[in-house]
Amino acid sequence: MPAELSELVFDLARGLRRAVLPQLGLRAGREQRGEAAGGDITFAVDETAELFLAEFVAERGRRISFYSEDRGLVGDPLDTHVLVVDPIDGTRPALAGLESACVAVALAPLGDDEPTMADVEIGCVVEIKSGDWFLARRAQGVRSSRQLQLGGGGDIAKMFWSYGFRGRPARATVEVLAELIDASSVGGGTFELGSQAFAMTRVITGQLDAVIEVGSRLIEDVPGMRAEFEQVGRGEVLNNSPYDLAAPWLCLTEAGGVVSDGWGRPLDGHRLLGSGHEFQISSISASNRGLHAQLLAAVDAGVARLRRLRAGAS
């Protein structure tokens, strides 16, 4: 059964890629069609992907529910497993025809209908433009069409890394990450790639050393910040949800990388099926533990600095 489920996840991810690829970069795909269950905008290209997902599960997913960005949880009480799917992680890069857009699919047993990240058994990320893929099974490693090459460096001044800005208040986010941005601005490189799955899998390939997204931590640790997130998100909080992280998290950790939440804690206990703020997850991903420890210390200092600035301003 595990091999069959792994094949199912792989086939779904590649099928979603084939469904979306013809619309990559087309302006027609940018037509807005409403609002997703997670609060983000649904574009025409998202509808194409969601339709394929529903049809695939109906045809092949016997006793399997699915949770997606646009539809939330769809399934039957008798289902034994759930697919956690971001059909297009990086919708805006996809709409622009850029390479940093992926399909992300994870699978976990439903159990008591409250599965956590620790229950994820299979994760797959497929790059939409190139077709390259990563497929992980818990405790069995990760396979990929690309070379796996995690970096072992720990020099922040030479670090190549990515961070998430879309939907986050820019001034506050930059303040928290400012020291890291400055430290790596000459000898390293900083990137906003528009896709968590793409960025995290770049750590697996050695193209990046780290990925940092601390939106949920800002809301919890800095008074008044949630209102600013809702202002940017037009009433919604648009931080990363489990469907953004589940598949690339399993791929990266199975490859030997380190991933925590924004406070340095394991992601295992986070609930898997949901998209509101109470489900959203900040994350710090790194190629090795020494670098991760430095990044966590820098984030801690950045949050403390932001709190002092906000307290002084009031």
Protein backbone atom coordinates (compact mmCIF):
# COMPACT_ATOMS: atom_id res chain seq x y z
CA MET A 1 0.00 0.00 0.00
CA PRO A 2 2.72 2.63 0.79
CA ALA A 3 4.20 2.19 -2.70
CA GLU A 4 0.76 2.58 -4.26
CA LEU A 5 0.12 5.76 -2.28
CA SER A 6 3.52 7.14 -3.25
CA GLU A 7 2.70 6.50 -6.90
CA LEU A 8 -0.69 8.18 -6.44
CA VAL A 9 0.90 11.32 -4.97
CA PHE A 10 3.53 11.42 -7.71
CA ASP A 11 0.95 10.97 -10.47
CA LEU A 12 -1.28 13.68 -9.01
CA ALA A 13 1.56 16.18 -8.75
CA ARG A 14 2.73 15.55 -12.30
CA GLY A 15 -0.84 15.62 -13.59
CA LEU A 16 -1.46 19.00 -11.98
CA ARG A 17 1.72 20.25 -13.61
CA ARG A 18 0.51 19.10 -17.05
CA ALA A 19 -2.87 20.75 -16.50
CA VAL A 20 -1.37 24.11 -15.56
CA LEU A 21 1.63 24.25 -17.90
CA PRO A 22 -0.25 25.46 -21.03
CA GLN A 23 -1.43 28.53 -19.08
CA LEU A 24 1.98 29.43 -17.68
CA GLY A 25 2.64 33.10 -18.41
CA LEU A 26 -0.67 33.72 -20.22
CA ARG A 27 -2.39 36.96 -19.27
CA ALA A 28 -5.78 35.24 -19.48
CA GLY A 29 -4.82 33.21 -16.44
CA ARG A 30 -4.69 36.40 -14.37
CA GLU A 31 -8.46 36.88 -14.45
CA GLN A 32 -9.68 36.96 -10.86
CA ARG A 33 -12.45 34.49 -10.10
CA GLY A 34 -13.14 35.07 -6.41
CA GLU A 35 -11.60 34.19 -3.07
CA ALA A 36 -10.09 30.92 -1.90
CA ALA A 37 -10.96 29.17 1.36
CA GLY A 38 -7.65 30.47 2.73
CA GLY A 39 -8.57 34.07 1.92
CA ASP A 40 -6.29 34.61 -1.06
CA ILE A 41 -7.44 35.58 -4.56
CA THR A 42 -8.46 32.76 -6.91
CA PHE A 43 -7.25 33.29 -10.47
CA ALA A 44 -8.41 31.51 -13.62
CA VAL A 45 -5.30 29.32 -13.61
CA ASP A 46 -6.12 28.26 -10.04
CA GLU A 47 -9.54 27.08 -11.21
CA THR A 48 -7.93 24.88 -13.87
CA ALA A 49 -5.73 23.23 -11.26
CA GLU A 50 -8.52 22.76 -8.72
CA LEU A 51 -10.78 21.16 -11.33
CA PHE A 52 -8.09 18.66 -12.27
CA LEU A 53 -7.47 17.87 -8.59
CA ALA A 54 -11.14 17.12 -7.93
CA GLU A 55 -11.45 14.93 -11.03
CA PHE A 56 -8.25 13.01 -10.25
CA VAL A 57 -9.28 12.21 -6.69
CA ALA A 58 -12.77 11.20 -7.81
CA GLU A 59 -11.29 8.75 -10.32
CA ARG A 60 -8.29 7.34 -8.42
CA GLY A 61 -8.47 8.39 -4.79
CA ARG A 62 -10.56 5.62 -3.29
CA ARG A 63 -11.07 6.32 0.43
CA ILE A 64 -8.95 9.47 0.12
CA SER A 65 -10.04 13.03 0.95
CA PHE A 66 -8.20 16.13 -0.17
CA TYR A 67 -7.52 19.54 1.34
CA SER A 68 -6.61 22.35 -1.05
CA GLU A 69 -6.00 26.07 -0.88
CA ASP A 70 -9.18 26.98 -2.74
CA ARG A 71 -11.67 24.34 -1.58
CA GLY A 72 -10.64 23.40 1.94
CA LEU A 73 -11.44 19.82 3.01
CA VAL A 74 -13.34 17.66 0.52
CA GLY A 75 -14.10 14.01 1.24
CA ASP A 76 -16.13 11.38 3.03
CA PRO A 77 -16.17 10.45 6.76
CA LEU A 78 -15.08 6.91 5.80
CA ASP A 79 -11.91 8.09 4.04
CA THR A 80 -8.66 6.77 5.49
CA HIS A 81 -6.13 9.27 4.09
CA VAL A 82 -6.01 12.91 3.04
CA LEU A 83 -4.08 14.62 0.28
CA VAL A 84 -2.88 18.08 1.30
CA VAL A 85 -2.43 19.98 -1.92
CA ASP A 86 -1.26 23.36 -3.09
CA PRO A 87 -2.02 22.96 -6.81
CA ILE A 88 0.04 26.05 -7.65
CA ASP A 89 2.47 27.18 -4.99
CA GLY A 90 3.64 30.42 -6.55
CA THR A 91 0.57 31.44 -8.52
CA ARG A 92 1.98 34.86 -9.34
CA PRO A 93 5.29 33.54 -10.67
CA ALA A 94 3.21 31.08 -12.73
CA LEU A 95 1.09 33.93 -14.07
CA ALA A 96 4.28 35.77 -15.01
CA GLY A 97 5.75 32.68 -16.69
CA LEU A 98 8.62 32.42 -14.21
CA GLU A 99 10.26 29.18 -13.05
CA SER A 100 9.52 29.63 -9.32
CA ALA A 101 6.11 27.96 -9.35
CA CYS A 102 5.47 24.42 -8.12
CA VAL A 103 2.85 21.81 -7.40
CA ALA A 104 3.05 20.62 -3.78
CA VAL A 105 1.27 17.42 -2.68
CA ALA A 106 1.50 15.66 0.68
CA LEU A 107 -0.37 12.64 2.04
CA ALA A 108 -1.23 11.66 5.61
CA PRO A 109 -3.60 9.21 7.32
CA LEU A 110 -6.76 10.91 8.52
CA GLY A 111 -6.82 9.12 11.86
CA ASP A 112 -9.04 11.12 14.22
CA ASP A 113 -9.61 13.80 11.55
CA GLU A 114 -7.00 16.00 13.28
CA PRO A 115 -3.74 14.92 11.61
CA THR A 116 -0.61 16.93 12.29
CA MET A 117 2.52 17.58 10.27
CA ALA A 118 4.10 14.60 12.02
CA ASP A 119 1.57 12.35 10.29
CA VAL A 120 2.70 13.31 6.79
CA GLU A 121 4.01 10.14 5.13
CA ILE A 122 4.66 11.27 1.54
CA GLY A 123 5.56 14.63 0.03
CA CYS A 124 6.08 15.62 -3.58
CA VAL A 125 7.09 18.91 -5.19
CA VAL A 126 7.07 19.31 -8.98
CA GLU A 127 8.38 22.42 -10.73
CA ILE A 128 5.75 23.55 -13.22
CA LYS A 129 8.05 25.11 -15.82
CA SER A 130 10.86 22.55 -15.85
CA GLY A 131 9.06 19.39 -14.74
CA ASP A 132 11.81 18.60 -12.22
CA TRP A 133 10.54 16.81 -9.12
CA PHE A 134 11.25 15.83 -5.52
CA LEU A 135 9.52 12.83 -3.89
CA ALA A 136 9.98 11.99 -0.21
CA ARG A 137 8.75 9.16 1.99
CA ARG A 138 9.06 9.45 5.74
CA ALA A 139 12.20 7.76 7.08
CA GLN A 140 13.11 6.62 3.56
CA GLY A 141 14.77 9.72 2.15
CA VAL A 142 14.00 11.79 -0.93
CA ARG A 143 14.40 11.07 -4.62
CA SER A 144 14.67 13.77 -7.25
CA SER A 145 15.24 14.42 -10.93
CA ARG A 146 17.84 16.97 -9.79
CA GLN A 147 21.13 16.48 -7.99
CA LEU A 148 20.80 16.62 -4.20
CA GLN A 149 23.51 18.80 -2.72
CA LEU A 150 22.84 20.48 0.62
CA GLY A 151 25.41 23.10 1.56
CA GLY A 152 27.48 22.76 4.71
CA GLY A 153 28.51 26.38 5.10
CA GLY A 154 27.71 28.50 8.14
CA ASP A 155 28.95 31.94 7.10
CA ILE A 156 25.97 34.30 6.99
CA ALA A 157 28.03 36.82 5.00
CA LYS A 158 28.22 34.27 2.16
CA MET A 159 24.68 32.95 2.53
CA PHE A 160 22.26 32.73 -0.39
CA TRP A 161 18.74 32.73 1.02
CA SER A 162 15.10 33.53 0.44
CA TYR A 163 12.36 35.18 2.46
CA GLY A 164 8.62 35.70 2.08
CA PHE A 165 7.10 39.17 1.69
CA ARG A 166 3.79 38.87 -0.17
CA GLY A 167 0.88 39.53 2.16
CA ARG A 168 3.22 40.62 4.97
CA PRO A 169 3.71 44.22 6.15
CA ALA A 170 6.97 45.11 4.43
CA ARG A 171 8.42 47.58 6.95
CA ALA A 172 8.01 45.25 9.92
CA THR A 173 9.28 42.23 8.00
CA VAL A 174 12.36 44.07 6.79
CA GLU A 175 13.11 45.32 10.28
CA VAL A 176 13.18 41.79 11.65
CA LEU A 177 15.37 40.51 8.79
CA ALA A 178 17.43 43.68 8.32
CA GLU A 179 20.67 42.47 9.92
CA LEU A 180 20.61 39.27 7.86
CA ILE A 181 19.83 41.18 4.66
CA ASP A 182 22.71 43.59 5.27
CA ALA A 183 25.14 40.86 6.31
CA SER A 184 24.59 38.85 3.12
CA SER A 185 24.13 41.74 0.68
CA VAL A 186 27.72 41.75 -0.65
CA GLY A 187 29.13 38.23 -0.35
CA GLY A 188 25.80 36.39 -0.52
CA GLY A 189 22.39 36.88 -2.10
CA THR A 190 18.80 37.49 -1.03
CA PHE A 191 15.73 36.48 -3.03
CA GLU A 192 11.94 36.75 -2.83
CA LEU A 193 10.89 33.89 -5.09
CA GLY A 194 7.13 33.82 -4.56
CA SER A 195 6.90 30.10 -3.73
CA GLN A 196 7.75 28.42 -0.44
CA ALA A 197 7.99 25.01 -2.10
CA PHE A 198 10.38 26.27 -4.75
CA ALA A 199 12.55 28.11 -2.22
CA MET A 200 12.79 25.18 0.21
CA THR A 201 13.67 22.70 -2.51
CA ARG A 202 16.47 25.08 -3.62
CA VAL A 203 18.10 24.26 -0.28
CA ILE A 204 18.03 20.59 -1.28
CA THR A 205 19.80 21.38 -4.56
CA GLY A 206 22.37 23.65 -2.91
CA GLN A 207 21.21 26.74 -4.82
CA LEU A 208 20.14 28.34 -1.54
CA ASP A 209 21.39 27.91 2.01
CA ALA A 210 18.25 29.00 3.88
CA VAL A 211 14.64 30.16 3.69
CA ILE A 212 13.02 32.37 6.35
CA GLU A 213 9.34 33.29 6.73
CA VAL A 214 8.33 34.68 10.12
CA GLY A 215 4.91 36.25 9.53
CA SER A 216 3.03 34.17 12.09
CA ARG A 217 5.66 34.86 14.73
CA LEU A 218 5.30 38.60 14.17
CA ILE A 219 1.56 38.39 14.82
CA GLU A 220 2.07 36.42 18.03
CA ASP A 221 5.04 38.39 19.42
CA VAL A 222 4.45 42.00 18.35
CA PRO A 223 1.35 43.80 19.68
CA GLY A 224 -0.94 45.24 17.02
CA MET A 225 0.72 43.35 14.16
CA ARG A 226 -2.29 41.24 13.20
CA ALA A 227 -4.23 44.35 12.18
CA GLU A 228 -1.39 45.32 9.87
CA PHE A 229 -1.38 41.87 8.26
CA GLU A 230 -5.14 42.10 7.74
CA GLN A 231 -4.75 45.52 6.17
CA VAL A 232 -2.19 44.20 3.68
CA GLY A 233 -4.30 41.07 3.05
CA ARG A 234 -7.55 43.01 2.60
CA GLY A 235 -9.08 41.53 5.72
CA GLU A 236 -7.21 38.21 5.65
CA VAL A 237 -3.95 36.95 7.13
CA LEU A 238 -1.92 35.47 4.26
CA ASN A 239 0.95 33.68 5.97
CA ASN A 240 2.00 30.15 5.00
CA SER A 241 -0.48 27.39 5.73
CA PRO A 242 0.21 23.65 6.13
CA TYR A 243 -0.61 23.01 2.46
CA ASP A 244 2.29 25.36 1.55
CA LEU A 245 4.78 23.62 3.82
CA ALA A 246 3.89 19.95 4.23
CA ALA A 247 5.42 18.58 1.02
CA PRO A 248 8.60 20.70 0.84
CA TRP A 249 9.13 20.28 4.60
CA LEU A 250 9.17 16.48 4.29
CA CYS A 251 11.40 16.66 1.21
CA LEU A 252 13.93 18.98 2.87
CA THR A 253 14.08 17.17 6.21
CA GLU A 254 14.38 13.78 4.50
CA ALA A 255 17.27 15.24 2.50
CA GLY A 256 19.03 16.17 5.75
CA GLY A 257 18.06 19.82 6.08
CA VAL A 258 16.74 21.53 9.20
CA VAL A 259 13.28 23.10 9.42
CA SER A 260 11.64 24.69 12.47
CA ASP A 261 8.88 27.17 13.09
CA GLY A 262 9.78 30.82 13.64
CA TRP A 263 10.63 30.15 17.30
CA GLY A 264 12.93 27.22 16.55
CA ARG A 265 10.42 24.50 17.46
CA PRO A 266 9.73 21.37 15.37
CA LEU A 267 6.80 21.56 12.97
CA ASP A 268 5.53 18.10 13.95
CA GLY A 269 2.72 19.22 16.24
CA HIS A 270 1.13 21.75 13.89
CA ARG A 271 -2.32 20.77 12.68
CA LEU A 272 -2.43 19.85 9.01
CA LEU A 273 -5.97 20.65 7.83
CA GLY A 274 -6.65 24.37 7.99
CA SER A 275 -5.64 27.75 6.60
CA GLY A 276 -6.57 30.50 9.09
CA HIS A 277 -4.06 32.19 11.37
CA GLU A 278 -4.43 29.48 14.01
CA PHE A 279 -3.14 26.95 11.46
CA GLN A 280 -0.49 29.08 9.77
CA ILE A 281 3.18 28.32 10.33
CA SER A 282 6.23 30.54 10.31
CA SER A 283 9.39 28.70 9.36
CA ILE A 284 13.17 28.81 9.36
CA SER A 285 14.79 26.33 6.95
CA ALA A 286 18.53 25.78 6.64
CA SER A 287 20.97 23.39 5.04
CA ASN A 288 22.59 22.50 8.39
CA ARG A 289 22.10 22.90 12.14
CA GLY A 290 24.91 25.40 12.69
CA LEU A 291 23.46 27.83 10.17
CA HIS A 292 19.94 27.29 11.51
CA ALA A 293 21.07 28.25 15.03
CA GLN A 294 22.54 31.51 13.72
CA LEU A 295 19.38 32.33 11.78
CA LEU A 296 17.18 31.68 14.78
CA ALA A 297 19.34 33.97 16.93
CA ALA A 298 19.12 36.68 14.26
CA VAL A 299 15.33 36.36 14.06
CA ASP A 300 15.06 36.50 17.87
CA ALA A 301 17.12 39.70 17.86
CA GLY A 302 15.09 41.16 15.01
CA VAL A 303 11.76 40.54 16.72
CA ALA A 304 13.09 42.07 19.96
CA ARG A 305 14.31 45.11 17.99
CA LEU A 306 10.91 45.54 16.34
CA ARG A 307 9.14 45.32 19.69
CA ARG A 308 11.43 48.03 21.12
CA LEU A 309 10.83 50.29 18.14
CA ARG A 310 7.06 49.85 18.38
CA ALA A 311 7.10 50.46 22.14
CA GLY A 312 9.17 53.62 21.68
CA ALA A 313 6.89 54.93 18.97
CA SER A 314 3.84 54.55 21.19
